[in-house]
Amino acid sequence: MRTNPFIDVPLDARRIVVQVLSAIVFFGEIFYAIFVGLCQFTFRRGPVTDERLLRYHQRIQHVFCRNISMHPWLSLKISNPHGENFGKGAVIVCNHQSTLDPLCLLPLSPRILMAMNEKVWHTPIVSLVFRYAGFLPLASDMNRRLAYFRKYTSKGYSVVVFAEGLRSKDCNIRRFHQGPFWIAEQLGLDLLPVFIHGPGHLMPVGVNYANIGGLSVEIGKRITPSDSTYGLTAKERTRAMHRYFVEHYDEICRREETATYFHHCLIGLFSRIGMKRAVRGELDANADYATLVDVPDGSTLEEVEYSDRSGVLSLLYAMVHPEQTVTPHNDEAIENLRHLYRKCHNLPTNLIFRS
């Protein structure tokens, strides 16, 4: 089981500045989206046509893509191994980590809508954009949800539903609800699995500022109603898809969460005990210990345990390899790590101290 150490990374002066600038840009984009909505839908006569709605979504997609490309420490990597073009309406089943999740999903296609809970739906100011974009509040009754999915998927839109319902604090996959699978079953819609990684580390649950890091999205293979790989009924597919997400997300973590991935996280954590400058220098001097840490079979574990002098290498190895038990042997490393573990509460549980 993986932990989320990014929750305990403190906010520093540099990130405060970038956070303020990001907030200014974000609200500027929100007001731009509201202005476009007013021009295209509120003040414009005639019915809302499919062409006008699509143009609005194209502008939103452009804004999200520009936002990511201009951000000083954010990046978005999209993996589409099956060549998905979002040309046919579907129910997109996705894991849920953070309020940043739409930043990963909306750039994928202008024909993506989102279903969201009541709290998010009633967010001041931003809720206007949700309404103009045709998003769906999940508090609506099931008949209304079915009518909504039928209307928009018939026009080629795919609707994102977070099967977990709530955001995952530790980024591990939570239990799936049957709702999206039942809707797909009732309407004969394809299921489209989408995996996101990174938002829960950049802005974890309960944290109102962003960490430094990257976002990644992987688009899975479309599942047709007649495909029995994951079962045919909503109940069968809920269980099978949950197993699939748990297993495949673990593969994504092993691929993405390398020594370099945790570079800024480690510096932030050790700043809690006055070691920020020393840890930054140690990681830079040793290229993030990639040759020792980024190994698939645990062959370097013993070397890590005996060679670590500060505690940095042991903690880094434990983050990258949650399935391995790490027991540092150097007294100074143990003292530093004990001090850090007393300060923070979301550090790897697979790091064990000698008694």
Protein backbone atom coordinates (compact mmCIF):
# COMPACT_ATOMS: atom_id res chain seq x y z
CA MET A 1 0.00 0.00 0.00
CA ARG A 2 1.43 3.35 -1.03
CA THR A 3 1.36 6.46 1.16
CA ASN A 4 1.20 10.08 0.07
CA PRO A 5 4.19 11.92 1.61
CA PHE A 6 3.40 15.02 -0.46
CA ILE A 7 0.66 15.87 2.07
CA ASP A 8 3.32 16.84 4.62
CA VAL A 9 5.51 18.93 2.31
CA PRO A 10 5.44 22.49 3.73
CA LEU A 11 4.76 25.60 1.67
CA ASP A 12 7.82 27.75 0.94
CA ALA A 13 8.23 31.31 -0.31
CA ARG A 14 8.83 30.34 -3.93
CA ARG A 15 5.67 28.28 -4.11
CA ILE A 16 3.65 31.03 -2.43
CA VAL A 17 4.60 33.40 -5.26
CA VAL A 18 3.82 30.86 -7.97
CA GLN A 19 0.60 29.90 -6.19
CA VAL A 20 -0.59 33.51 -6.14
CA LEU A 21 0.26 33.99 -9.81
CA SER A 22 -1.48 30.69 -10.68
CA ALA A 23 -4.59 31.81 -8.81
CA ILE A 24 -4.63 35.09 -10.70
CA VAL A 25 -4.31 33.26 -14.03
CA PHE A 26 -6.97 30.70 -13.01
CA PHE A 27 -9.58 33.30 -12.11
CA GLY A 28 -8.72 35.27 -15.23
CA GLU A 29 -9.48 32.16 -17.29
CA ILE A 30 -12.70 31.54 -15.35
CA PHE A 31 -13.94 35.06 -16.06
CA TYR A 32 -12.97 34.62 -19.70
CA ALA A 33 -15.02 31.39 -19.86
CA ILE A 34 -17.98 33.19 -18.24
CA PHE A 35 -17.71 36.06 -20.72
CA VAL A 36 -17.66 33.65 -23.66
CA GLY A 37 -20.65 31.81 -22.17
CA LEU A 38 -22.59 35.03 -21.78
CA CYS A 39 -21.88 35.96 -25.39
CA GLN A 40 -22.67 32.55 -26.86
CA PHE A 41 -25.59 31.43 -24.70
CA THR A 42 -27.13 34.13 -22.48
CA PHE A 43 -27.17 37.20 -24.73
CA ARG A 44 -27.44 35.38 -28.02
CA ARG A 45 -30.87 34.70 -29.40
CA GLY A 46 -32.04 31.33 -30.59
CA PRO A 47 -31.57 27.80 -29.24
CA VAL A 48 -28.22 26.46 -28.10
CA THR A 49 -27.01 24.47 -31.09
CA ASP A 50 -24.55 21.61 -31.04
CA GLU A 51 -22.07 23.75 -32.98
CA ARG A 52 -22.12 26.54 -30.38
CA LEU A 53 -21.67 24.10 -27.51
CA LEU A 54 -18.76 22.41 -29.27
CA ARG A 55 -17.09 25.77 -29.94
CA TYR A 56 -17.40 26.61 -26.25
CA HIS A 57 -15.76 23.31 -25.30
CA GLN A 58 -12.99 23.89 -27.81
CA ARG A 59 -12.22 27.20 -26.10
CA ILE A 60 -12.18 25.55 -22.68
CA GLN A 61 -9.83 22.86 -23.97
CA HIS A 62 -7.54 25.52 -25.42
CA VAL A 63 -7.48 27.40 -22.10
CA PHE A 64 -6.60 24.27 -20.11
CA CYS A 65 -3.82 23.29 -22.52
CA ARG A 66 -2.36 26.80 -22.45
CA ASN A 67 -2.56 26.89 -18.65
CA ILE A 68 -0.46 23.73 -18.34
CA SER A 69 2.06 24.70 -21.02
CA MET A 70 2.73 28.10 -19.39
CA HIS A 71 2.99 26.88 -15.79
CA PRO A 72 6.58 26.98 -14.45
CA TRP A 73 6.51 23.53 -12.84
CA LEU A 74 3.50 21.67 -14.19
CA SER A 75 3.54 19.30 -17.15
CA LEU A 76 0.99 16.91 -18.63
CA LYS A 77 1.97 13.64 -20.28
CA ILE A 78 -0.77 11.86 -22.23
CA SER A 79 -0.46 8.18 -23.15
CA ASN A 80 -2.92 6.86 -25.74
CA PRO A 81 -1.68 3.35 -26.66
CA HIS A 82 -4.97 2.27 -28.27
CA GLY A 83 -5.43 5.34 -30.47
CA GLU A 84 -8.63 6.59 -28.81
CA ASN A 85 -10.09 9.57 -30.73
CA PHE A 86 -13.23 10.20 -28.62
CA GLY A 87 -15.30 10.00 -31.78
CA LYS A 88 -18.09 8.01 -30.14
CA GLY A 89 -19.94 8.77 -26.91
CA ALA A 90 -18.97 6.70 -23.86
CA VAL A 91 -18.92 6.61 -20.08
CA ILE A 92 -15.39 7.53 -19.02
CA VAL A 93 -14.48 5.70 -15.80
CA CYS A 94 -11.64 7.47 -14.02
CA ASN A 95 -9.89 7.38 -10.64
CA HIS A 96 -10.29 10.46 -8.45
CA GLN A 97 -7.40 12.13 -6.62
CA SER A 98 -7.65 15.90 -6.51
CA THR A 99 -9.43 19.07 -7.53
CA LEU A 100 -6.80 19.17 -10.28
CA ASP A 101 -8.26 16.08 -11.99
CA PRO A 102 -10.17 18.13 -14.64
CA LEU A 103 -6.82 19.68 -15.59
CA CYS A 104 -5.82 16.19 -16.77
CA LEU A 105 -9.10 15.23 -18.44
CA LEU A 106 -10.50 18.26 -20.27
CA PRO A 107 -7.42 18.71 -22.51
CA LEU A 108 -8.01 15.22 -23.96
CA SER A 109 -10.89 16.26 -26.21
CA PRO A 110 -13.47 19.05 -26.61
CA ARG A 111 -16.17 16.36 -26.49
CA ILE A 112 -15.75 15.58 -22.79
CA LEU A 113 -18.32 16.42 -20.12
CA MET A 114 -18.06 15.84 -16.39
CA ALA A 115 -20.43 14.60 -13.71
CA MET A 116 -19.70 16.17 -10.31
CA ASN A 117 -20.96 16.18 -6.75
CA GLU A 118 -23.13 18.92 -5.29
CA LYS A 119 -20.34 20.66 -3.38
CA VAL A 120 -18.29 21.20 -6.53
CA TRP A 121 -21.37 21.98 -8.61
CA HIS A 122 -22.29 24.91 -6.31
CA THR A 123 -18.80 26.41 -6.17
CA PRO A 124 -19.28 30.20 -6.46
CA ILE A 125 -18.46 31.78 -9.84
CA VAL A 126 -17.02 28.54 -11.28
CA SER A 127 -20.51 26.98 -11.26
CA LEU A 128 -21.48 29.32 -14.12
CA VAL A 129 -18.85 27.69 -16.31
CA PHE A 130 -20.14 24.23 -15.36
CA ARG A 131 -23.65 25.18 -16.46
CA TYR A 132 -22.54 26.74 -19.72
CA ALA A 133 -20.41 23.66 -20.47
CA GLY A 134 -23.33 21.29 -19.90
CA PHE A 135 -21.85 19.43 -16.95
CA LEU A 136 -24.08 17.29 -14.70
CA PRO A 137 -24.73 17.51 -10.93
CA LEU A 138 -24.82 14.00 -9.51
CA ALA A 139 -27.52 14.95 -7.01
CA SER A 140 -30.07 14.74 -9.83
CA ASP A 141 -32.33 11.68 -9.80
CA MET A 142 -31.45 8.58 -11.80
CA ASN A 143 -34.01 9.22 -14.53
CA ARG A 144 -32.52 12.65 -15.16
CA ARG A 145 -29.03 11.15 -15.24
CA LEU A 146 -30.10 8.57 -17.81
CA ALA A 147 -31.73 11.28 -19.96
CA TYR A 148 -28.57 13.39 -19.70
CA PHE A 149 -26.25 10.56 -20.74
CA ARG A 150 -28.57 9.54 -23.57
CA LYS A 151 -28.78 13.12 -24.90
CA TYR A 152 -25.07 13.92 -24.93
CA THR A 153 -23.54 10.55 -25.76
CA SER A 154 -25.82 10.40 -28.82
CA LYS A 155 -24.11 13.62 -29.96
CA GLY A 156 -20.65 12.10 -29.56
CA TYR A 157 -19.80 13.42 -26.09
CA SER A 158 -18.19 11.23 -23.45
CA VAL A 159 -19.04 11.83 -19.80
CA VAL A 160 -16.45 11.47 -17.02
CA VAL A 161 -17.67 9.71 -13.88
CA PHE A 162 -15.37 9.19 -10.90
CA ALA A 163 -16.32 5.65 -9.91
CA GLU A 164 -14.80 6.09 -6.44
CA GLY A 165 -17.13 8.99 -5.70
CA LEU A 166 -14.73 10.76 -3.33
CA ARG A 167 -11.12 11.77 -3.80
CA SER A 168 -8.51 9.34 -2.54
CA LYS A 169 -6.30 10.90 0.15
CA ASP A 170 -3.42 8.45 -0.36
CA CYS A 171 -3.99 8.16 -4.16
CA ASN A 172 -4.71 4.43 -3.86
CA ILE A 173 -7.82 3.22 -5.69
CA ARG A 174 -10.90 3.26 -3.45
CA ARG A 175 -14.00 1.07 -3.74
CA PHE A 176 -15.99 1.60 -6.96
CA HIS A 177 -19.69 2.47 -7.04
CA GLN A 178 -21.99 0.74 -9.54
CA GLY A 179 -23.57 3.96 -10.90
CA PRO A 180 -21.48 4.51 -14.06
CA PHE A 181 -21.58 0.82 -14.95
CA TRP A 182 -25.35 0.66 -14.46
CA ILE A 183 -25.86 3.69 -16.70
CA ALA A 184 -23.66 2.16 -19.40
CA GLU A 185 -25.61 -1.10 -19.11
CA GLN A 186 -29.01 0.61 -19.34
CA LEU A 187 -28.09 2.72 -22.38
CA GLY A 188 -25.79 0.27 -24.15
CA LEU A 189 -22.81 2.62 -23.92
CA ASP A 190 -19.11 1.85 -24.18
CA LEU A 191 -16.93 2.13 -21.09
CA LEU A 192 -13.67 4.02 -21.49
CA PRO A 193 -11.15 3.60 -18.63
CA VAL A 194 -8.85 6.56 -18.02
CA PHE A 195 -6.05 6.51 -15.43
CA ILE A 196 -4.65 9.69 -13.91
CA HIS A 197 -1.47 9.97 -11.87
CA GLY A 198 -0.01 13.02 -10.16
CA PRO A 199 -2.90 15.35 -9.19
CA GLY A 200 -3.13 13.76 -5.74
CA HIS A 201 0.54 14.52 -5.19
CA LEU A 202 0.44 18.05 -6.56
CA MET A 203 -2.66 19.07 -4.61
CA PRO A 204 -3.64 16.36 -2.10
CA VAL A 205 -6.96 16.23 -0.27
CA GLY A 206 -6.95 18.84 2.52
CA VAL A 207 -4.11 20.89 1.01
CA ASN A 208 -4.84 24.25 -0.62
CA TYR A 209 -1.52 24.80 -2.37
CA ALA A 210 0.27 22.99 -5.17
CA ASN A 211 3.46 20.97 -4.95
CA ILE A 212 6.02 20.69 -7.72
CA GLY A 213 5.54 17.76 -10.10
CA GLY A 214 4.06 16.34 -13.26
CA LEU A 215 0.68 15.01 -14.33
CA SER A 216 0.14 11.94 -16.46
CA VAL A 217 -2.93 10.43 -18.11
CA GLU A 218 -3.29 7.03 -19.72
CA ILE A 219 -6.30 6.27 -21.90
CA GLY A 220 -7.29 2.61 -21.72
CA LYS A 221 -8.96 0.38 -24.27
CA ARG A 222 -12.63 1.05 -24.97
CA ILE A 223 -14.96 -1.67 -23.65
CA THR A 224 -18.10 -2.32 -25.71
CA PRO A 225 -21.38 -3.58 -24.17
CA SER A 226 -20.82 -7.03 -25.71
CA ASP A 227 -17.21 -7.36 -24.47
CA SER A 228 -17.28 -9.98 -21.69
CA THR A 229 -13.67 -9.42 -20.58
CA TYR A 230 -14.88 -7.58 -17.48
CA GLY A 231 -18.28 -9.27 -17.25
CA LEU A 232 -21.56 -8.21 -18.81
CA THR A 233 -23.67 -6.96 -15.91
CA ALA A 234 -23.10 -3.75 -13.95
CA LYS A 235 -22.24 -5.69 -10.78
CA GLU A 236 -19.70 -7.90 -12.53
CA ARG A 237 -18.08 -4.96 -14.30
CA THR A 238 -17.86 -2.90 -11.12
CA ARG A 239 -15.81 -5.60 -9.40
CA ALA A 240 -13.69 -6.52 -12.41
CA MET A 241 -12.94 -2.92 -13.36
CA HIS A 242 -11.95 -2.13 -9.79
CA ARG A 243 -9.42 -4.99 -9.84
CA TYR A 244 -8.17 -3.77 -13.21
CA PHE A 245 -7.72 -0.21 -11.94
CA VAL A 246 -5.90 -1.34 -8.79
CA GLU A 247 -3.48 -3.54 -10.73
CA HIS A 248 -2.86 -1.15 -13.61
CA TYR A 249 -2.53 1.92 -11.41
CA ASP A 250 0.17 0.08 -9.47
CA GLU A 251 1.98 -0.49 -12.77
CA ILE A 252 1.72 3.22 -13.55
CA CYS A 253 3.13 4.10 -10.11
CA ARG A 254 6.09 1.78 -10.61
CA ARG A 255 6.76 3.46 -13.94
CA GLU A 256 6.24 7.09 -12.90
CA GLU A 257 7.36 7.23 -9.27
CA THR A 258 11.10 7.09 -9.76
CA ALA A 259 13.89 8.58 -7.67
CA THR A 260 13.72 11.85 -9.61
CA TYR A 261 9.94 12.01 -9.17
CA PHE A 262 10.39 12.39 -5.39
CA HIS A 263 13.24 14.93 -5.61
CA HIS A 264 11.27 18.02 -4.56
CA CYS A 265 9.15 16.04 -2.10
CA LEU A 266 12.23 14.87 -0.17
CA ILE A 267 13.68 18.37 -0.01
CA GLY A 268 10.40 19.69 1.35
CA LEU A 269 10.06 16.90 3.92
CA PHE A 270 13.59 17.24 5.29
CA SER A 271 13.14 21.00 5.52
CA ARG A 272 10.84 20.14 8.45
CA ILE A 273 13.93 19.16 10.47
CA GLY A 274 16.33 21.84 9.18
CA MET A 275 18.02 19.73 6.49
CA LYS A 276 16.65 21.36 3.33
CA ARG A 277 19.97 22.68 1.98
CA ALA A 278 21.91 19.51 2.90
CA VAL A 279 19.37 17.22 1.26
CA ARG A 280 19.20 19.30 -1.91
CA GLY A 281 22.99 19.15 -2.17
CA GLU A 282 23.05 15.40 -1.49
CA LEU A 283 20.43 14.63 -4.14
CA ASP A 284 22.06 16.89 -6.73
CA ALA A 285 25.51 15.43 -6.08
CA ASN A 286 24.25 11.85 -6.43
CA ALA A 287 21.81 12.32 -9.35
CA ASP A 288 18.90 11.49 -7.03
CA TYR A 289 20.51 8.08 -6.35
CA ALA A 290 18.78 6.81 -9.49
CA THR A 291 21.29 4.00 -10.08
CA LEU A 292 20.61 2.59 -6.61
CA VAL A 293 16.88 3.27 -6.37
CA ASP A 294 15.47 2.77 -9.86
CA VAL A 295 15.96 -1.00 -9.92
CA PRO A 296 13.06 -3.43 -10.41
CA ASP A 297 14.13 -6.37 -8.22
CA GLY A 298 15.39 -4.97 -4.93
CA SER A 299 18.93 -6.11 -5.68
CA THR A 300 20.44 -2.92 -4.19
CA LEU A 301 18.41 -2.91 -0.94
CA GLU A 302 21.24 -4.13 1.29
CA GLU A 303 23.65 -1.57 -0.17
CA VAL A 304 21.08 1.17 0.47
CA GLU A 305 20.56 0.11 4.09
CA TYR A 306 24.27 0.04 4.92
CA SER A 307 25.52 2.99 2.86
CA ASP A 308 22.90 5.57 3.85
CA ARG A 309 24.35 8.20 6.20
CA SER A 310 21.67 10.87 6.36
CA GLY A 311 18.38 8.95 6.00
CA VAL A 312 17.60 10.44 2.59
CA LEU A 313 18.49 7.35 0.58
CA SER A 314 16.54 4.98 2.86
CA LEU A 315 13.38 7.10 2.73
CA LEU A 316 13.68 7.55 -1.03
CA TYR A 317 14.03 3.80 -1.56
CA ALA A 318 11.00 3.15 0.66
CA MET A 319 8.93 5.61 -1.41
CA VAL A 320 9.85 4.06 -4.73
CA HIS A 321 9.55 0.45 -3.47
CA PRO A 322 6.55 0.24 -1.09
CA GLU A 323 6.65 -3.57 -1.34
CA GLN A 324 10.17 -3.70 0.16
CA THR A 325 10.95 -3.40 3.87
CA VAL A 326 13.79 -0.91 4.37
CA THR A 327 15.84 -0.98 7.60
CA PRO A 328 18.61 1.66 7.74
CA HIS A 329 21.68 0.75 9.81
CA ASN A 330 23.53 4.03 10.29
CA ASP A 331 22.78 5.66 13.67
CA GLU A 332 22.73 9.21 12.27
CA ALA A 333 20.34 8.19 9.50
CA ILE A 334 18.06 6.51 12.01
CA GLU A 335 18.07 9.58 14.27
CA ASN A 336 17.20 11.91 11.37
CA LEU A 337 14.42 9.64 10.17
CA ARG A 338 12.94 9.21 13.66
CA HIS A 339 12.88 12.99 13.99
CA LEU A 340 11.18 13.31 10.58
CA TYR A 341 8.62 10.60 11.33
CA ARG A 342 7.68 12.41 14.56
CA LYS A 343 7.01 15.56 12.51
CA CYS A 344 5.11 13.97 9.60
CA HIS A 345 2.28 11.46 9.52
CA ASN A 346 2.09 10.29 5.89
CA LEU A 347 5.51 8.72 5.41
CA PRO A 348 6.09 5.16 4.13
CA THR A 349 5.20 2.43 6.60
CA ASN A 350 7.68 0.01 5.02
CA LEU A 351 10.64 1.86 6.56
CA ILE A 352 11.48 0.07 9.82
CA PHE A 353 13.82 1.26 12.57
CA ARG A 354 16.10 -1.14 14.42
CA SER A 355 15.15 -1.48 18.08
